[in-house]
Amino acid sequence: MQRMCFSNRFSTLMYRTATHLYLAPHPSLRPYVAHYTYCLPHPEHCAAGGSRQWRAPDSPPPLVLIPDASGCLVFTLLPSGPRGVLYGPTTQAVTVHNDLGVGPPRFFVEFRPGGLFAFTGIPQWELSDRTWPLEDAAPELYVMACGAFSQASDLDDFAARMDAALLARDPVPSPVLPLLGSKCLSSQQALAASSGYSSRHLSRLFREGAGMGCKAYFQVLRVNAAIRALQAGPPSLTRLAQELGYFDQSHFIHEFKSVCGVSPGRYLAHMSGFYKEPLKP
């Protein structure tokens, strides 16, 4: 497969940067899959002569990944085939080696909250904040990806084949999936009342389908909403806390730090050292 060749011939490209391509999944997959992402070497890190082959980079500074309460599959596209890793739903920031734009080509299946459960049936609390070799955690998904890779001619074709393979798996959603898009970010009791579940049973469903209880899930979503606002331009933290439903600014700062590991002010001062998926809530 031509691991660096992408032409958007299927018109799936949603957004791109110098190193990232964000692709839309099939409409029937969108309740489960937010998007696909290709992370490719920046041209300046390719071999001499413009051959678009990966060249070993220098050691860049680490990167802090913002949690988004959803899992993903990460495939490193090697000449011998894809190496797959399953990332469970995340509730806390994780510091990782930063090779964005300088590492080998990678393909991400970025799930929505609850989406990974639909394709694995694994209780997500078992995967929360953990990583697994895909061939061990979900061997059928690993075999699926290897088959798509071996038949694909280029990156467009590989994404299309992954799309078709996921569609063929006939995902089985958790009962909590329709509730994960709720706009109620502060009250488990209100969500329980509107859904007809008891608070205890609702939390059990959240842990199984999304990998965390209601309280932790709402915390992660509120912090992600705060980060979007901070990226748009530093607002008043007091006003932002009020808009997001926090009791006061102190409560907001405490929760932000518990999820991201730093205060909002420190995040703003070192924003380039953090990575948040741009197309996820």
Protein backbone atom coordinates (compact mmCIF):
# COMPACT_ATOMS: atom_id res chain seq x y z
CA MET A 1 0.00 0.00 0.00
CA GLN A 2 1.16 3.54 -0.71
CA ARG A 3 1.30 4.68 2.92
CA MET A 4 1.72 8.39 2.16
CA CYS A 5 -0.70 8.79 -0.74
CA PHE A 6 -4.06 10.48 -0.03
CA SER A 7 -6.10 12.25 -2.72
CA ASN A 8 -9.58 12.55 -1.08
CA ARG A 9 -11.11 10.81 -4.06
CA PHE A 10 -14.06 9.66 -1.91
CA SER A 11 -14.73 13.22 -0.66
CA THR A 12 -14.50 12.26 3.02
CA LEU A 13 -12.02 14.93 4.14
CA MET A 14 -13.51 17.08 6.92
CA TYR A 15 -10.49 19.09 8.01
CA ARG A 16 -6.74 19.06 7.59
CA THR A 17 -3.55 20.51 9.04
CA ALA A 18 0.06 20.17 7.87
CA THR A 19 0.24 16.72 9.44
CA HIS A 20 -3.36 15.58 10.12
CA LEU A 21 -6.21 14.50 7.88
CA TYR A 22 -9.65 14.18 9.50
CA LEU A 23 -12.10 12.00 7.57
CA ALA A 24 -15.84 11.53 7.97
CA PRO A 25 -17.11 7.99 8.56
CA HIS A 26 -20.12 6.52 6.79
CA PRO A 27 -23.36 8.19 8.00
CA SER A 28 -24.53 4.92 9.60
CA LEU A 29 -21.37 4.86 11.73
CA ARG A 30 -21.59 8.42 13.01
CA PRO A 31 -23.49 7.56 16.24
CA TYR A 32 -20.38 5.54 17.17
CA VAL A 33 -17.39 6.97 15.27
CA ALA A 34 -16.57 10.68 15.47
CA HIS A 35 -14.02 10.58 12.65
CA TYR A 36 -10.95 8.87 11.27
CA THR A 37 -7.60 10.59 11.49
CA TYR A 38 -4.41 10.14 9.54
CA CYS A 39 -1.33 11.48 11.28
CA LEU A 40 1.42 11.77 8.66
CA PRO A 41 5.01 12.99 8.76
CA HIS A 42 5.46 16.66 7.95
CA PRO A 43 7.35 17.06 4.64
CA GLU A 44 10.38 18.47 6.46
CA HIS A 45 10.74 15.15 8.29
CA CYS A 46 10.71 13.05 5.14
CA ALA A 47 13.80 11.58 3.57
CA ALA A 48 15.90 13.65 1.20
CA GLY A 49 14.63 13.77 -2.36
CA GLY A 50 10.96 14.15 -1.45
CA SER A 51 10.37 10.39 -1.27
CA ARG A 52 7.85 10.87 1.58
CA GLN A 53 9.42 8.10 3.61
CA TRP A 54 9.57 8.43 7.36
CA ARG A 55 12.89 9.64 8.77
CA ALA A 56 13.73 9.11 12.44
CA PRO A 57 13.17 12.42 14.27
CA ASP A 58 14.93 14.15 17.10
CA SER A 59 13.32 13.84 20.52
CA PRO A 60 10.48 16.42 20.74
CA PRO A 61 8.96 17.51 24.08
CA PRO A 62 6.18 15.31 25.51
CA LEU A 63 2.52 15.98 24.79
CA VAL A 64 -0.41 15.97 27.24
CA LEU A 65 -3.58 14.40 25.80
CA ILE A 66 -6.84 15.93 27.03
CA PRO A 67 -9.32 13.21 28.09
CA ASP A 68 -12.57 13.06 26.15
CA ALA A 69 -14.47 10.10 27.69
CA SER A 70 -14.14 8.05 24.52
CA GLY A 71 -11.86 5.31 23.23
CA CYS A 72 -9.94 4.95 20.01
CA LEU A 73 -8.02 2.48 17.89
CA VAL A 74 -4.55 3.53 16.77
CA PHE A 75 -2.84 1.77 13.86
CA THR A 76 0.80 2.38 13.08
CA LEU A 77 1.06 1.71 9.35
CA LEU A 78 4.26 -0.27 8.87
CA PRO A 79 5.38 -1.83 5.58
CA SER A 80 4.75 -5.27 7.10
CA GLY A 81 1.22 -4.36 8.18
CA PRO A 82 -0.63 -2.34 10.81
CA ARG A 83 0.29 -2.50 14.49
CA GLY A 84 -2.86 -1.81 16.49
CA VAL A 85 -3.41 -0.44 19.98
CA LEU A 86 -6.75 -0.02 21.74
CA TYR A 87 -7.10 3.03 23.98
CA GLY A 88 -9.96 2.82 26.45
CA PRO A 89 -12.15 5.78 27.43
CA THR A 90 -10.08 8.47 29.12
CA THR A 91 -10.98 10.35 32.29
CA GLN A 92 -7.62 11.98 33.06
CA ALA A 93 -4.90 13.69 31.08
CA VAL A 94 -2.06 11.45 29.92
CA THR A 95 1.47 12.51 29.03
CA VAL A 96 2.81 10.70 25.95
CA HIS A 97 5.85 10.78 23.71
CA ASN A 98 5.21 13.50 21.15
CA ASP A 99 5.92 12.37 17.61
CA LEU A 100 2.99 14.12 15.90
CA GLY A 101 4.15 14.97 12.41
CA VAL A 102 7.50 13.27 12.80
CA GLY A 103 6.59 9.65 13.57
CA PRO A 104 5.56 6.91 11.16
CA PRO A 105 2.13 7.21 9.50
CA ARG A 106 -0.78 6.35 11.78
CA PHE A 107 -4.51 5.83 11.35
CA PHE A 108 -6.93 6.54 14.22
CA VAL A 109 -10.51 5.37 14.61
CA GLU A 110 -11.83 8.02 17.00
CA PHE A 111 -14.98 6.79 18.70
CA ARG A 112 -17.68 8.86 20.30
CA PRO A 113 -18.43 8.16 23.96
CA GLY A 114 -20.00 4.70 24.07
CA GLY A 115 -18.93 3.88 20.52
CA LEU A 116 -16.13 1.47 21.40
CA PHE A 117 -18.52 -0.67 23.45
CA ALA A 118 -20.79 -1.11 20.42
CA PHE A 119 -17.98 -2.81 18.46
CA THR A 120 -16.38 -4.86 21.24
CA GLY A 121 -19.07 -5.62 23.80
CA ILE A 122 -16.36 -5.21 26.46
CA PRO A 123 -17.55 -3.45 29.64
CA GLN A 124 -15.77 -0.16 29.26
CA TRP A 125 -14.82 0.14 32.91
CA GLU A 126 -12.35 -2.66 32.18
CA LEU A 127 -10.64 -0.47 29.56
CA SER A 128 -10.95 2.96 31.16
CA ASP A 129 -7.63 4.87 31.17
CA ARG A 130 -5.79 1.81 29.88
CA THR A 131 -4.16 0.70 26.63
CA TRP A 132 -4.02 -2.79 25.17
CA PRO A 133 -2.48 -4.42 22.09
CA LEU A 134 -5.50 -4.66 19.80
CA GLU A 135 -4.75 -8.27 18.88
CA ASP A 136 -5.20 -9.16 22.57
CA ALA A 137 -8.12 -6.91 23.50
CA ALA A 138 -10.23 -7.30 20.35
CA PRO A 139 -8.58 -9.78 17.96
CA GLU A 140 -11.47 -9.65 15.50
CA LEU A 141 -10.92 -5.90 15.02
CA TYR A 142 -7.21 -6.48 14.54
CA VAL A 143 -7.83 -9.14 11.87
CA MET A 144 -10.31 -6.78 10.21
CA ALA A 145 -7.71 -4.00 10.03
CA CYS A 146 -5.00 -6.32 8.71
CA GLY A 147 -7.33 -7.47 5.96
CA ALA A 148 -8.21 -3.91 4.99
CA PHE A 149 -4.53 -2.94 4.94
CA SER A 150 -3.44 -5.90 2.82
CA GLN A 151 -6.07 -5.14 0.16
CA ALA A 152 -5.82 -1.34 0.13
CA SER A 153 -3.92 0.48 -2.61
CA ASP A 154 -3.46 3.78 -0.75
CA LEU A 155 -4.70 5.77 2.25
CA ASP A 156 -8.04 6.64 0.63
CA ASP A 157 -8.69 2.97 -0.04
CA PHE A 158 -7.63 1.86 3.45
CA ALA A 159 -10.04 4.29 5.14
CA ALA A 160 -12.86 3.20 2.83
CA ARG A 161 -12.18 -0.47 3.57
CA MET A 162 -12.12 0.19 7.31
CA ASP A 163 -15.43 2.02 6.93
CA ALA A 164 -16.96 -0.97 5.15
CA ALA A 165 -15.51 -3.45 7.62
CA LEU A 166 -16.92 -1.59 10.62
CA LEU A 167 -20.32 -1.35 8.95
CA ALA A 168 -20.28 -5.11 8.37
CA ARG A 169 -19.77 -5.74 12.09
CA ASP A 170 -23.31 -4.54 12.86
CA PRO A 171 -22.58 -2.58 16.07
CA VAL A 172 -24.67 -3.29 19.17
CA PRO A 173 -25.05 -0.09 21.20
CA SER A 174 -25.29 0.12 24.95
CA PRO A 175 -28.67 1.27 26.33
CA VAL A 176 -26.85 4.34 27.65
CA LEU A 177 -25.69 5.52 24.22
CA PRO A 178 -28.69 7.83 23.56
CA LEU A 179 -28.04 9.51 26.93
CA LEU A 180 -24.38 10.27 26.33
CA GLY A 181 -25.26 13.25 24.17
CA SER A 182 -27.37 14.81 26.90
CA LYS A 183 -26.94 18.55 27.36
CA CYS A 184 -27.45 18.11 31.10
CA LEU A 185 -23.86 18.32 32.28
CA SER A 186 -24.38 18.87 35.99
CA SER A 187 -27.24 16.78 37.36
CA GLN A 188 -27.26 12.99 37.42
CA GLN A 189 -30.61 13.16 39.20
CA ALA A 190 -32.19 15.17 36.38
CA LEU A 191 -30.88 12.73 33.78
CA ALA A 192 -32.15 9.78 35.81
CA ALA A 193 -35.58 11.37 36.09
CA SER A 194 -35.78 12.08 32.35
CA SER A 195 -34.56 8.60 31.37
CA GLY A 196 -36.63 6.56 33.81
CA TYR A 197 -33.55 4.86 35.31
CA SER A 198 -32.65 5.05 38.96
CA SER A 199 -29.46 7.02 39.68
CA ARG A 200 -27.72 3.82 40.75
CA HIS A 201 -28.70 1.87 37.63
CA LEU A 202 -27.86 4.84 35.41
CA SER A 203 -24.36 5.02 36.85
CA ARG A 204 -23.96 1.27 36.26
CA LEU A 205 -24.97 1.71 32.62
CA PHE A 206 -22.53 4.60 32.21
CA ARG A 207 -19.66 2.54 33.63
CA GLU A 208 -20.46 -0.37 31.30
CA GLY A 209 -21.03 1.65 28.12
CA ALA A 210 -18.79 4.68 28.62
CA GLY A 211 -16.18 3.47 31.12
CA MET A 212 -17.03 5.83 33.98
CA GLY A 213 -19.91 6.89 36.19
CA CYS A 214 -22.20 9.82 35.43
CA LYS A 215 -20.32 12.27 37.64
CA ALA A 216 -16.94 11.57 36.04
CA TYR A 217 -18.48 11.66 32.55
CA PHE A 218 -20.06 15.06 33.11
CA GLN A 219 -16.80 16.37 34.59
CA VAL A 220 -14.85 15.39 31.48
CA LEU A 221 -17.44 16.94 29.15
CA ARG A 222 -17.55 20.19 31.13
CA VAL A 223 -13.77 20.47 31.10
CA ASN A 224 -13.71 19.86 27.34
CA ALA A 225 -16.29 22.62 26.91
CA ALA A 226 -14.06 24.87 29.01
CA ILE A 227 -11.03 24.08 26.85
CA ARG A 228 -12.91 24.98 23.68
CA ALA A 229 -13.74 28.33 25.24
CA LEU A 230 -10.14 28.87 26.39
CA GLN A 231 -8.84 28.04 22.91
CA ALA A 232 -11.19 30.59 21.39
CA GLY A 233 -9.69 33.33 23.55
CA PRO A 234 -9.13 33.74 27.30
CA PRO A 235 -12.56 34.58 28.79
CA SER A 236 -13.32 35.60 32.34
CA LEU A 237 -12.90 32.44 34.40
CA THR A 238 -15.70 33.56 36.69
CA ARG A 239 -18.10 33.97 33.78
CA LEU A 240 -16.96 30.71 32.19
CA ALA A 241 -17.51 28.85 35.45
CA GLN A 242 -21.05 30.24 35.64
CA GLU A 243 -21.82 29.36 32.02
CA LEU A 244 -20.69 25.76 32.57
CA GLY A 245 -22.77 25.32 35.70
CA TYR A 246 -20.06 25.40 38.36
CA PHE A 247 -20.90 26.62 41.86
CA ASP A 248 -18.04 29.12 41.72
CA GLN A 249 -14.66 29.77 40.10
CA SER A 250 -12.84 27.75 42.76
CA HIS A 251 -14.98 24.68 41.97
CA PHE A 252 -14.24 25.12 38.25
CA ILE A 253 -10.48 25.40 38.79
CA HIS A 254 -10.46 22.35 41.08
CA GLU A 255 -12.35 20.20 38.57
CA PHE A 256 -10.28 21.41 35.63
CA LYS A 257 -7.09 20.50 37.49
CA SER A 258 -8.44 17.09 38.53
CA VAL A 259 -9.10 16.22 34.85
CA CYS A 260 -6.21 17.97 33.07
CA GLY A 261 -3.57 17.93 35.81
CA VAL A 262 -3.08 21.71 35.60
CA SER A 263 -5.07 24.85 36.35
CA PRO A 264 -6.82 26.77 33.53
CA GLY A 265 -4.18 29.48 33.81
CA ARG A 266 -1.31 27.03 33.41
CA TYR A 267 -3.11 25.39 30.49
CA LEU A 268 -3.35 28.77 28.75
CA ALA A 269 0.33 29.48 29.39
CA HIS A 270 1.43 26.13 27.92
CA MET A 271 -1.35 25.39 25.41
CA SER A 272 1.04 24.08 22.74
CA GLY A 273 2.00 21.23 25.06
CA PHE A 274 -1.57 19.89 25.12
CA TYR A 275 -3.58 18.09 22.46
CA LYS A 276 -7.38 18.03 22.23
CA GLU A 277 -9.19 16.39 19.36
CA PRO A 278 -10.51 19.37 17.36
CA LEU A 279 -13.63 17.61 16.04
CA LYS A 280 -14.83 16.04 19.29
CA PRO A 281 -17.19 17.66 21.80
